[in-house]
Protein backbone atom coordinates (compact mmCIF):
# COMPACT_ATOMS: atom_id res chain seq x y z
CA MET A 1 231.18 88.34 185.12
CA LYS A 2 230.42 91.22 182.89
CA THR A 3 232.72 89.90 180.19
CA ILE A 4 231.13 86.47 180.38
CA ASN A 5 227.66 87.87 180.06
CA THR A 6 228.76 90.05 177.07
CA LYS A 7 230.32 87.02 175.25
CA LYS A 8 227.08 85.03 176.11
CA LEU A 9 224.87 87.77 174.48
CA VAL A 10 227.33 87.99 171.41
CA THR A 11 227.19 84.09 170.96
CA LEU A 12 223.44 83.94 171.29
CA ALA A 13 222.98 86.77 168.87
CA MET A 14 225.26 84.98 166.40
CA LEU A 15 223.61 81.71 166.76
CA SER A 16 220.20 83.45 166.34
CA ALA A 17 221.50 85.04 163.13
CA LEU A 18 222.73 81.73 161.86
CA ALA A 19 219.27 79.99 162.66
CA PHE A 20 217.53 82.77 160.74
CA LEU A 21 219.79 82.39 157.81
CA LEU A 22 219.23 78.68 157.64
CA ALA A 23 215.39 79.51 157.73
CA LEU A 24 216.10 81.97 154.89
CA LEU A 25 217.91 79.50 152.78
CA PHE A 26 215.43 76.79 153.00
CA HIS A 27 212.64 79.35 152.23
CA TYR A 28 214.08 80.28 148.94
CA PHE A 29 215.55 76.78 148.30
CA PRO A 30 212.82 74.61 149.95
CA ILE A 31 212.83 70.78 150.17
CA PRO A 32 209.76 69.38 148.55
CA PRO A 33 206.81 68.87 151.14
CA LEU A 34 207.12 65.52 152.85
CA VAL A 35 203.37 65.33 153.13
CA PRO A 36 201.50 66.03 149.80
CA ALA A 37 198.20 66.74 151.68
CA ALA A 38 199.75 69.27 153.87
CA PRO A 39 202.15 71.34 151.85
CA PHE A 40 202.64 73.84 154.70
CA LEU A 41 204.72 71.23 156.61
CA LYS A 42 208.19 72.08 155.47
CA PHE A 43 211.58 70.79 156.77
CA GLU A 44 214.17 73.38 157.73
CA PRO A 45 216.96 72.94 160.30
CA LYS A 46 217.09 76.20 162.19
CA ASP A 47 216.05 74.26 165.30
CA VAL A 48 219.45 72.39 165.22
CA VAL A 49 221.24 75.81 165.96
CA ILE A 50 218.72 76.80 168.70
CA THR A 51 218.93 73.46 170.34
CA ILE A 52 222.78 73.62 170.45
CA ALA A 53 222.35 77.14 172.03
CA GLY A 54 220.07 75.36 174.64
CA PHE A 55 222.81 72.77 175.32
CA LEU A 56 225.29 75.46 175.89
CA TYR A 57 223.44 77.92 177.96
CA GLY A 58 220.40 75.96 179.26
CA PRO A 59 216.69 75.77 178.20
CA ILE A 60 215.92 79.38 179.15
CA ALA A 61 218.15 80.65 176.24
CA VAL A 62 215.86 78.73 173.89
CA VAL A 63 212.65 80.88 174.41
CA PRO A 64 214.02 84.36 173.39
CA MET A 65 215.89 82.82 170.34
CA ALA A 66 212.74 80.95 169.11
CA LEU A 67 210.84 84.31 169.54
CA VAL A 68 213.46 86.27 167.68
CA VAL A 69 213.85 83.86 164.83
CA GLY A 70 210.12 83.26 164.69
CA LEU A 71 209.39 87.04 164.33
CA LEU A 72 212.05 87.32 161.61
CA GLU A 73 210.48 84.53 159.79
CA MET A 74 206.93 85.90 159.81
CA PRO A 75 207.28 88.11 156.73
CA LEU A 76 208.39 84.98 154.75
CA SER A 77 205.21 82.98 155.61
CA ALA A 78 201.65 83.41 154.42
CA THR A 79 200.44 82.05 157.91
CA TRP A 80 201.92 85.08 159.87
CA LEU A 81 200.72 84.92 163.49
CA TYR A 82 199.64 81.28 163.18
CA GLY A 83 202.98 80.29 161.77
CA LEU A 84 204.70 82.24 164.55
CA ILE A 85 202.76 80.30 167.14
CA MET A 86 203.38 77.15 165.58
CA ASN A 87 207.19 77.84 164.97
CA VAL A 88 207.85 78.97 168.63
CA ALA A 89 205.78 76.06 170.18
CA SER A 90 207.55 73.36 168.08
CA THR A 91 210.97 74.89 168.72
CA CYS A 92 210.43 75.23 172.39
CA ALA A 93 208.85 71.80 172.94
CA PHE A 94 211.83 70.20 171.31
CA ALA A 95 214.75 72.50 172.23
CA CYS A 96 213.61 73.18 175.71
CA THR A 97 212.97 69.56 176.55
CA ALA A 98 216.29 68.37 175.14
CA ALA A 99 218.26 71.05 176.77
CA GLY A 100 216.47 70.69 180.12
CA ILE A 101 217.52 67.01 180.23
CA TYR A 102 221.02 67.59 179.10
CA LYS A 103 221.52 70.37 181.71
CA PHE A 104 221.20 67.74 184.37
CA ARG A 105 223.20 64.96 182.49
CA ARG A 106 225.98 66.69 180.58
CA THR A 107 227.18 63.55 178.53
CA ILE A 108 226.68 62.19 175.02
CA GLY A 109 224.16 59.80 176.52
CA GLY A 110 222.44 62.73 178.26
CA ALA A 111 222.27 64.62 174.96
CA ALA A 112 220.88 61.58 173.16
CA ILE A 113 218.11 61.12 175.91
CA GLY A 114 217.17 64.69 175.81
CA LEU A 115 216.91 64.75 172.06
CA SER A 116 214.92 61.54 171.88
CA VAL A 117 212.44 62.85 174.52
CA GLY A 118 212.41 66.16 172.65
CA VAL A 119 211.22 64.31 169.43
CA LEU A 120 208.42 62.65 171.41
CA ALA A 121 207.33 65.94 173.17
CA THR A 122 207.21 67.85 169.99
CA THR A 123 205.17 65.27 168.23
CA ALA A 124 202.80 65.10 171.23
CA VAL A 125 202.44 68.84 171.47
CA MET A 126 202.06 69.59 167.80
CA ILE A 127 199.11 67.11 167.21
CA PRO A 128 196.60 69.00 169.44
CA LEU A 129 198.03 72.37 168.42
CA ASN A 130 197.53 71.54 164.74
CA TYR A 131 193.95 70.27 165.52
CA LEU A 132 193.20 73.65 167.15
CA ILE A 133 195.03 76.11 164.78
CA THR A 134 195.38 74.66 161.30
CA PRO A 135 191.70 74.97 160.34
CA PHE A 136 191.95 78.75 160.76
CA PHE A 137 195.04 79.50 158.67
CA MET A 138 194.37 76.83 156.00
CA GLY A 139 190.50 77.56 155.87
CA ILE A 140 189.56 74.06 155.93
CA PRO A 141 187.08 72.20 158.10
CA ARG A 142 188.36 70.56 161.21
CA HIS A 143 187.47 67.03 160.06
CA ALA A 144 189.87 67.49 157.08
CA VAL A 145 192.63 68.20 159.58
CA VAL A 146 191.75 65.22 161.63
CA ALA A 147 192.03 63.05 158.52
CA ILE A 148 195.91 63.92 158.30
CA LEU A 149 196.43 64.68 162.03
CA PHE A 150 198.31 61.56 162.95
CA ILE A 151 199.64 59.79 159.79
CA GLY A 152 200.41 63.15 158.11
CA ILE A 153 201.05 65.79 160.70
CA GLY A 154 202.18 63.60 163.62
CA LEU A 155 204.51 61.52 161.51
CA PHE A 156 205.80 64.50 159.72
CA ASN A 157 206.80 66.11 163.15
CA PHE A 158 208.34 62.89 164.39
CA VAL A 159 210.44 62.47 161.18
CA LYS A 160 211.47 66.19 161.06
CA TYR A 161 212.60 66.37 164.68
CA ALA A 162 214.29 62.94 164.46
CA LEU A 163 216.42 64.42 161.71
CA VAL A 164 217.05 67.63 163.70
CA ALA A 165 218.09 65.46 166.65
CA ALA A 166 220.52 63.39 164.33
CA ILE A 167 222.13 66.58 162.89
CA THR A 168 222.32 68.21 166.34
CA MET A 169 224.21 65.21 167.73
CA GLN A 170 226.80 65.49 164.98
CA LEU A 171 227.31 69.29 165.00
CA TYR A 172 227.28 69.98 168.86
CA ILE A 173 230.71 68.96 169.75
CA PRO A 174 232.48 70.54 166.60
CA LEU A 175 230.45 73.82 167.18
CA LYS A 176 231.20 73.94 170.89
CA ALA A 177 234.88 73.34 170.16
CA ALA A 178 234.90 76.18 167.64
CA LEU A 179 233.27 78.62 170.01
CA VAL A 180 235.65 77.70 172.76
CA LYS A 181 238.69 78.15 170.39
CA ALA A 182 237.28 81.52 169.29
CA LYS A 183 237.04 82.44 173.18
CA LEU A 184 233.29 83.17 172.75
CA LEU A 185 232.55 80.26 175.10
CA ILE A 186 233.96 79.57 178.63
CA LEU A 187 233.03 76.20 179.96
CA PRO A 188 233.95 74.56 183.23
CA GLU A 189 234.52 71.23 181.63
CA ASP A 190 237.20 70.55 178.74
CA LEU A 191 236.62 69.07 175.46
CA ASP A 192 238.80 65.99 176.11
CA LYS A 193 239.65 63.03 173.86
CA LYS A 194 237.28 60.90 175.73
CA THR A 195 234.39 63.03 174.64
CA ILE A 196 235.41 63.16 171.06
CA LYS A 197 235.84 59.23 171.05
CA VAL A 198 232.35 58.87 172.58
CA SER A 199 231.00 61.11 169.65
CA ILE A 200 231.80 58.17 167.26
CA THR A 201 228.96 56.24 168.82
CA SER A 202 226.74 59.34 168.21
CA VAL A 203 227.65 59.08 164.46
CA VAL A 204 226.44 55.37 164.19
CA VAL A 205 223.26 56.20 166.16
CA SER A 206 222.53 59.36 164.08
CA LEU A 207 223.06 57.38 160.76
CA LEU A 208 220.53 54.84 161.96
CA VAL A 209 218.09 57.63 162.79
CA VAL A 210 218.52 59.14 159.30
CA ALA A 211 217.82 55.81 157.84
CA ILE A 212 214.62 55.42 159.74
CA CYS A 213 213.65 58.93 158.80
CA ILE A 214 214.21 58.21 155.12
CA LEU A 215 211.71 55.26 155.46
CA GLY A 216 209.32 57.67 157.24
CA ILE A 217 209.59 60.07 154.31
CA LEU A 218 208.99 57.34 151.70
CA PHE A 219 206.00 56.23 153.75
CA LEU A 220 204.63 59.80 153.96
CA ASN A 221 204.70 59.94 150.18
CA GLY A 222 203.20 56.51 149.67
CA MET A 223 206.39 54.93 148.23
CA VAL A 224 206.55 52.12 150.73
CA PHE A 225 204.12 49.76 152.36
């Protein structure tokens, strides 16, 4: 038991470091803002790693990882405490929801359902949170936030976490297999051929999600419709 707990701590620490490195990479080499009216809304994929950790160890593992990575990100952001609150809230809303559902249905289908519900949950949580907090750290009146709350902020979070969900679907099984091979992860179930074959379906679904997200990004920038 002690050996298993040690391996779990080592793996979680390693995954937390990887999540922070991704955040650091996208900080210095950022993707252009998806919503011109809200340049503080930026895409970075650290939540992919944190969600995978939640799939491996349950939703409880998500919270300390979100806090640690959020605290490490604070010096990189001009929003400081506000940014920390938003970061932790969005990560937990998505990853805890997805991991919580997957915990009770440990199949590719369960993962897909969990990730889908996580996208909707995060979008729903971040709309009122942005309404309450954004005026403080942006120094703008609340009615200005309301103007971009749904089409800007709401759609951004939906597109962002749909992309995170699609990437998570692709990386979960390979990363899980790598950790098992490295003897950092001991699971009751094996990574059998059936699981690998089912993942082909997830590839197709993920590609469709990415296509929809691209349309959403174009819409956010006024390039379609």
